[in-house]
Amino acid sequence: MTSLPASLDEYLRIRRRLGFEMPQDGRLLEGFVEFLERAGAERVTTELALAWARMPFDAHPHRWRQRLGVARGFARHLATIDPSSEVPPTDLLPGHRPRIAPYIYSEAEIAALMAAARELRPRLRAARHETLIGLLAVTGMRPGEALALDRQDVDLTRGVVHVRAGKQNKQREVPLHESTVSALRAYVGQRDARFPTAPTPAFFISARGRRMARAELNQTFSRLIGEVGLEGRGARARPRPHDLRHAFAVRTLLEWYRADEDIDRRMPLLSTYLGHTDPASTYWYLEAVPELLELIGRRLEQLPEVLS
């Protein structure tokens, strides 16, 4: 019989070949295997999987559900090798956590954030953050996708960004407006003047000539949020860089509704543009923002008149 650690190595190797990086799940499963070995188990049982999933005991039930789901995937793999290995049923630990409504930046707030970034020092830091905030606001890219861009991914001649670091390695091309191309070109000029010889293939470079880290974006963004005076709404403690993506999606949907566009017909376009693996992720915005719900309600009220 293959040992549990060896089976885990094989499982992770197969998943990663399929395009799933699984950094967090891999660490969780290592802990799960250690838990099983401490219990003296040679295979997965539903009872042991449930006991591990409920750790820590004071965690949110949604967290327990996530942990059990990770264990279930590994258990399915083991069951193909050892039929006596149990696969926990999918109806166990049905905890759900509602998605927190995003912070939707107004155009004035985005402009204020970019203006505040422009005052940062040194100059390249200012250009880096102003350009990055602007790029996130007008493309709806995930912050991680933008920071993972290499120079070859940004085609300023064609006006296109090639996103290679999307979820589940899903790639896409994002067209750029001429004004965005001009802003990116201005940043490139300052970047290349500071680093004539490219120390890294990264498009956004830190002061030390390395790829700009997510921690730098988060820390600087928090400072800019404070300087501009923005505060969170509802359950959102403070606006995040990722909320620029939400603002882009909502702004696009609002423009379509106000123009009386066929939303169901155009929604797949937005879903593809944003790199959503599931269209339901895009439709979620329709219920996440009160203004969109109000527009939907108005359109539904008009349906009887149209059909009569």
Protein backbone atom coordinates (compact mmCIF):
# COMPACT_ATOMS: atom_id res chain seq x y z
CA MET A 1 0.00 0.00 0.00
CA THR A 2 1.31 3.45 -0.92
CA SER A 3 1.97 5.69 2.09
CA LEU A 4 -0.22 8.73 2.66
CA PRO A 5 2.65 11.23 2.11
CA ALA A 6 3.57 9.54 -1.17
CA SER A 7 -0.07 9.54 -2.27
CA LEU A 8 -0.32 13.23 -1.42
CA ASP A 9 2.79 14.01 -3.49
CA GLU A 10 1.26 12.17 -6.45
CA TYR A 11 -2.09 13.94 -6.02
CA LEU A 12 -0.51 17.40 -5.90
CA ARG A 13 1.70 16.59 -8.88
CA ILE A 14 -1.33 15.57 -10.96
CA ARG A 15 -3.35 18.64 -9.96
CA ARG A 16 -0.50 21.01 -10.73
CA ARG A 17 0.01 19.46 -14.15
CA LEU A 18 -3.65 20.25 -14.79
CA GLY A 19 -2.96 23.93 -14.04
CA PHE A 20 -3.94 24.11 -10.36
CA GLU A 21 -1.09 25.67 -8.37
CA MET A 22 -2.71 24.82 -5.02
CA PRO A 23 -0.28 26.62 -2.68
CA GLN A 24 -2.81 26.90 0.17
CA ASP A 25 -4.52 23.55 -0.43
CA GLY A 26 -1.14 21.85 -0.56
CA ARG A 27 -0.22 23.18 2.88
CA LEU A 28 -3.62 22.19 4.27
CA LEU A 29 -3.32 18.67 2.91
CA GLU A 30 0.14 18.28 4.42
CA GLY A 31 -1.44 19.08 7.77
CA PHE A 32 -4.28 16.65 7.04
CA VAL A 33 -1.86 13.82 6.30
CA GLU A 34 0.08 14.57 9.50
CA PHE A 35 -3.23 14.46 11.40
CA LEU A 36 -4.06 11.06 9.89
CA GLU A 37 -0.63 9.66 10.70
CA ARG A 38 -0.86 10.87 14.32
CA ALA A 39 -4.21 9.06 14.53
CA GLY A 40 -2.52 5.89 13.26
CA ALA A 41 -4.73 5.85 10.16
CA GLU A 42 -3.60 4.30 6.88
CA ARG A 43 -6.50 5.70 4.88
CA VAL A 44 -9.07 8.48 5.01
CA THR A 45 -12.27 7.95 6.97
CA THR A 46 -15.23 10.31 7.07
CA GLU A 47 -14.95 10.52 10.85
CA LEU A 48 -11.29 11.59 10.76
CA ALA A 49 -11.88 14.02 7.89
CA LEU A 50 -14.68 15.68 9.87
CA ALA A 51 -12.53 15.89 13.00
CA TRP A 52 -9.70 17.56 11.05
CA ALA A 53 -12.05 19.87 9.14
CA ARG A 54 -13.48 21.24 12.41
CA MET A 55 -10.06 22.51 13.48
CA PRO A 56 -9.75 25.10 14.88
CA PHE A 57 -12.92 24.58 16.88
CA ASP A 58 -13.80 28.30 17.05
CA ALA A 59 -13.51 28.86 13.28
CA HIS A 60 -16.48 29.93 11.14
CA PRO A 61 -18.50 26.95 9.80
CA HIS A 62 -17.68 28.18 6.30
CA ARG A 63 -14.01 27.58 7.08
CA TRP A 64 -14.83 24.04 8.22
CA ARG A 65 -16.65 23.45 4.96
CA GLN A 66 -13.65 24.66 2.95
CA ARG A 67 -11.26 22.39 4.84
CA LEU A 68 -13.54 19.39 4.35
CA GLY A 69 -13.74 20.15 0.63
CA VAL A 70 -9.94 20.11 0.39
CA ALA A 71 -9.81 16.77 2.23
CA ARG A 72 -12.59 15.38 0.03
CA GLY A 73 -10.61 16.04 -3.15
CA PHE A 74 -7.64 14.12 -1.78
CA ALA A 75 -9.94 11.35 -0.53
CA ARG A 76 -11.39 10.90 -4.03
CA HIS A 77 -7.88 10.43 -5.35
CA LEU A 78 -7.08 7.87 -2.65
CA ALA A 79 -10.30 5.97 -3.37
CA THR A 80 -9.08 5.25 -6.91
CA ILE A 81 -6.03 3.54 -5.38
CA ASP A 82 -7.61 2.00 -2.29
CA PRO A 83 -11.40 1.37 -2.54
CA SER A 84 -11.62 1.11 1.26
CA SER A 85 -10.67 4.78 1.58
CA GLU A 86 -13.82 6.76 2.41
CA VAL A 87 -14.93 9.94 0.58
CA PRO A 88 -16.84 12.34 2.89
CA PRO A 89 -20.34 13.13 1.50
CA THR A 90 -20.84 16.57 0.02
CA ASP A 91 -23.78 17.42 2.32
CA LEU A 92 -21.66 17.47 5.47
CA LEU A 93 -20.77 20.80 7.16
CA PRO A 94 -23.02 22.98 4.96
CA GLY A 95 -21.71 26.28 6.32
CA HIS A 96 -21.91 29.31 4.04
CA ARG A 97 -20.48 32.80 4.41
CA PRO A 98 -22.22 35.59 2.48
CA ARG A 99 -20.01 37.66 0.22
CA ILE A 100 -19.33 41.13 1.58
CA ALA A 101 -20.59 43.87 -0.69
CA PRO A 102 -17.66 45.55 -2.46
CA TYR A 103 -16.69 49.18 -2.06
CA ILE A 104 -17.62 50.93 -5.29
CA TYR A 105 -15.30 53.86 -5.94
CA SER A 106 -16.70 56.89 -7.69
CA GLU A 107 -14.70 58.39 -10.55
CA ALA A 108 -13.87 61.34 -8.29
CA GLU A 109 -12.50 59.00 -5.60
CA ILE A 110 -10.32 57.17 -8.12
CA ALA A 111 -9.00 60.48 -9.41
CA ALA A 112 -8.25 61.56 -5.82
CA LEU A 113 -6.33 58.33 -5.13
CA MET A 114 -4.26 58.78 -8.27
CA ALA A 115 -3.56 62.41 -7.36
CA ALA A 116 -2.41 61.34 -3.90
CA ALA A 117 -0.17 58.68 -5.44
CA ARG A 118 1.36 61.34 -7.66
CA GLU A 119 2.72 63.06 -4.54
CA LEU A 120 4.64 60.00 -3.34
CA ARG A 121 8.43 60.05 -3.36
CA PRO A 122 10.68 59.12 -5.02
CA ARG A 123 9.22 59.94 -8.44
CA LEU A 124 9.32 56.36 -9.75
CA ARG A 125 7.30 55.19 -6.75
CA ALA A 126 4.73 57.86 -7.48
CA ALA A 127 4.55 56.88 -11.16
CA ARG A 128 4.35 53.19 -10.29
CA HIS A 129 1.40 53.52 -7.94
CA GLU A 130 -0.49 56.13 -9.94
CA THR A 131 -0.18 54.01 -13.08
CA LEU A 132 -1.13 50.79 -11.32
CA ILE A 133 -4.22 52.28 -9.69
CA GLY A 134 -5.31 53.72 -13.02
CA LEU A 135 -4.74 50.42 -14.81
CA LEU A 136 -6.80 48.48 -12.25
CA ALA A 137 -9.60 51.05 -12.43
CA VAL A 138 -9.99 51.03 -16.23
CA THR A 139 -9.40 47.33 -16.94
CA GLY A 140 -10.90 45.54 -13.94
CA MET A 141 -7.80 43.38 -13.65
CA ARG A 142 -7.09 41.63 -10.38
CA PRO A 143 -4.19 43.26 -8.49
CA GLY A 144 -2.26 39.99 -8.60
CA GLU A 145 -2.69 39.82 -12.37
CA ALA A 146 -1.35 43.34 -12.84
CA LEU A 147 1.66 42.76 -10.56
CA ALA A 148 2.47 39.52 -12.40
CA LEU A 149 2.69 41.30 -15.77
CA ASP A 150 6.00 41.06 -17.58
CA ARG A 151 7.21 43.61 -20.11
CA GLN A 152 6.37 41.28 -22.98
CA ASP A 153 2.76 41.09 -21.73
CA VAL A 154 2.15 44.82 -22.27
CA ASP A 155 1.92 45.58 -25.98
CA LEU A 156 1.73 49.35 -26.24
CA THR A 157 1.86 49.20 -30.04
CA ARG A 158 -1.32 47.14 -30.32
CA GLY A 159 -2.80 48.58 -27.12
CA VAL A 160 -3.32 45.20 -25.46
CA VAL A 161 -2.33 43.57 -22.18
CA HIS A 162 -1.87 39.81 -22.13
CA VAL A 163 -2.94 38.48 -18.71
CA ARG A 164 -1.12 35.23 -18.05
CA ALA A 165 -1.62 34.95 -14.28
CA GLY A 166 -5.40 34.65 -14.20
CA LYS A 167 -7.24 32.23 -11.92
CA GLN A 168 -6.50 28.59 -12.75
CA ASN A 169 -3.93 29.83 -15.29
CA LYS A 170 -6.73 31.13 -17.52
CA GLN A 171 -5.20 33.64 -19.93
CA ARG A 172 -6.89 36.51 -21.72
CA GLU A 173 -6.15 39.68 -23.66
CA VAL A 174 -7.38 43.01 -22.32
CA PRO A 175 -7.68 45.88 -24.84
CA LEU A 176 -6.59 49.32 -23.68
CA HIS A 177 -7.91 52.80 -24.39
CA GLU A 178 -5.49 55.24 -26.01
CA SER A 179 -5.32 57.31 -22.82
CA THR A 180 -4.33 54.19 -20.87
CA VAL A 181 -1.63 53.39 -23.42
CA SER A 182 -0.26 56.92 -23.04
CA ALA A 183 -0.18 56.60 -19.24
CA LEU A 184 1.59 53.25 -19.42
CA ARG A 185 4.09 54.63 -21.90
CA ALA A 186 4.86 57.55 -19.56
CA TYR A 187 5.51 55.11 -16.70
CA VAL A 188 7.74 52.99 -18.92
CA GLY A 189 9.79 56.08 -19.76
CA GLN A 190 10.44 56.83 -16.08
CA ARG A 191 11.07 53.17 -15.23
CA ASP A 192 13.60 52.65 -18.03
CA ALA A 193 15.36 55.93 -17.21
CA ARG A 194 15.87 54.65 -13.64
CA PHE A 195 16.74 51.09 -14.72
CA PRO A 196 18.29 51.23 -18.24
CA THR A 197 19.25 47.56 -17.98
CA ALA A 198 16.23 45.46 -17.05
CA PRO A 199 17.00 43.72 -13.73
CA THR A 200 13.76 41.73 -13.96
CA PRO A 201 11.21 40.94 -16.69
CA ALA A 202 8.50 42.48 -14.48
CA PHE A 203 6.53 45.44 -15.84
CA PHE A 204 6.03 47.09 -12.45
CA ILE A 205 9.40 47.38 -10.69
CA SER A 206 10.09 48.24 -7.06
CA ALA A 207 12.65 50.77 -5.90
CA ARG A 208 15.20 47.96 -5.58
CA GLY A 209 14.73 46.82 -9.14
CA ARG A 210 12.60 43.80 -8.32
CA ARG A 211 9.05 42.85 -9.16
CA MET A 212 6.67 45.02 -7.19
CA ALA A 213 5.25 43.00 -4.29
CA ARG A 214 1.62 42.79 -3.24
CA ALA A 215 2.62 43.92 0.26
CA GLU A 216 3.94 47.20 -1.13
CA LEU A 217 0.69 47.83 -2.98
CA ASN A 218 -1.44 47.06 0.08
CA GLN A 219 0.63 49.20 2.45
CA THR A 220 0.83 52.19 0.11
CA PHE A 221 -2.83 51.87 -0.82
CA SER A 222 -3.84 51.97 2.86
CA ARG A 223 -1.85 55.16 3.25
CA LEU A 224 -3.49 56.72 0.19
CA ILE A 225 -6.96 55.73 1.41
CA GLY A 226 -6.24 57.56 4.67
CA GLU A 227 -4.93 60.66 2.92
CA VAL A 228 -7.97 60.85 0.66
CA GLY A 229 -10.30 60.24 3.61
CA LEU A 230 -12.19 57.20 2.32
CA GLU A 231 -13.95 54.90 4.76
CA GLY A 232 -15.53 51.51 4.30
CA ARG A 233 -19.26 50.95 4.06
CA GLY A 234 -21.30 48.25 5.73
CA ALA A 235 -19.23 45.16 6.54
CA ARG A 236 -16.29 46.41 4.47
CA ALA A 237 -13.85 47.85 7.02
CA ARG A 238 -11.83 49.74 4.44
CA PRO A 239 -11.66 49.96 0.64
CA ARG A 240 -9.14 47.59 -0.96
CA PRO A 241 -7.20 47.62 -4.24
CA HIS A 242 -9.35 44.66 -5.36
CA ASP A 243 -12.45 46.84 -5.06
CA LEU A 244 -11.24 48.79 -8.11
CA ARG A 245 -12.10 45.66 -10.09
CA HIS A 246 -15.57 45.60 -8.56
CA ALA A 247 -16.03 49.29 -9.34
CA PHE A 248 -15.14 48.68 -12.99
CA ALA A 249 -17.66 45.84 -13.31
CA VAL A 250 -20.45 47.80 -11.62
CA ARG A 251 -19.77 50.94 -13.63
CA THR A 252 -19.95 48.90 -16.85
CA LEU A 253 -23.25 47.30 -15.86
CA LEU A 254 -24.75 50.66 -14.85
CA GLU A 255 -23.84 52.14 -18.22
CA TRP A 256 -25.46 49.20 -20.00
CA TYR A 257 -28.63 49.45 -17.97
CA ARG A 258 -28.91 53.18 -18.52
CA ALA A 259 -28.39 52.63 -22.26
CA ASP A 260 -31.16 49.97 -22.18
CA GLU A 261 -28.76 47.28 -23.41
CA ASP A 262 -29.65 43.58 -23.42
CA ILE A 263 -27.78 42.61 -20.23
CA ASP A 264 -28.13 38.85 -20.69
CA ARG A 265 -26.63 39.13 -24.17
CA ARG A 266 -23.74 41.33 -23.09
CA MET A 267 -22.96 39.68 -19.76
CA PRO A 268 -20.78 36.93 -21.32
CA LEU A 269 -18.61 39.69 -22.80
CA LEU A 270 -18.01 41.23 -19.39
CA SER A 271 -17.44 37.81 -17.85
CA THR A 272 -14.77 37.02 -20.45
CA TYR A 273 -13.17 40.46 -20.12
CA LEU A 274 -12.89 40.05 -16.34
CA GLY A 275 -11.54 36.52 -16.62
CA HIS A 276 -14.34 34.92 -14.60
CA THR A 277 -14.32 31.14 -14.78
CA ASP A 278 -18.03 31.06 -13.89
CA PRO A 279 -20.55 33.59 -15.30
CA ALA A 280 -22.34 33.45 -11.94
CA SER A 281 -19.43 35.45 -10.53
CA THR A 282 -20.34 38.27 -12.91
CA TYR A 283 -24.09 38.09 -12.29
CA TRP A 284 -23.38 38.48 -8.57
CA TYR A 285 -22.76 42.19 -9.14
CA LEU A 286 -26.43 42.62 -10.05
CA GLU A 287 -27.42 41.90 -6.46
CA ALA A 288 -24.35 43.32 -4.71
CA VAL A 289 -25.00 46.99 -5.42
CA PRO A 290 -28.26 48.77 -4.43
CA GLU A 291 -28.22 51.07 -7.48
CA LEU A 292 -28.10 48.08 -9.82
CA LEU A 293 -30.95 46.40 -7.95
CA GLU A 294 -33.01 49.56 -8.32
CA LEU A 295 -32.40 49.67 -12.08
CA ILE A 296 -33.31 45.98 -12.38
CA GLY A 297 -36.53 46.65 -10.46
CA ARG A 298 -37.46 49.51 -12.78
CA ARG A 299 -36.88 47.37 -15.85
CA LEU A 300 -38.98 44.54 -14.42
CA GLU A 301 -41.80 46.99 -13.72
CA GLN A 302 -41.78 47.96 -17.39
CA LEU A 303 -42.02 44.38 -18.64
CA PRO A 304 -45.86 44.11 -18.42
CA GLU A 305 -46.18 47.28 -20.48
CA VAL A 306 -43.83 45.91 -23.11
CA LEU A 307 -45.58 42.55 -23.26
CA SER A 308 -49.14 43.93 -23.25
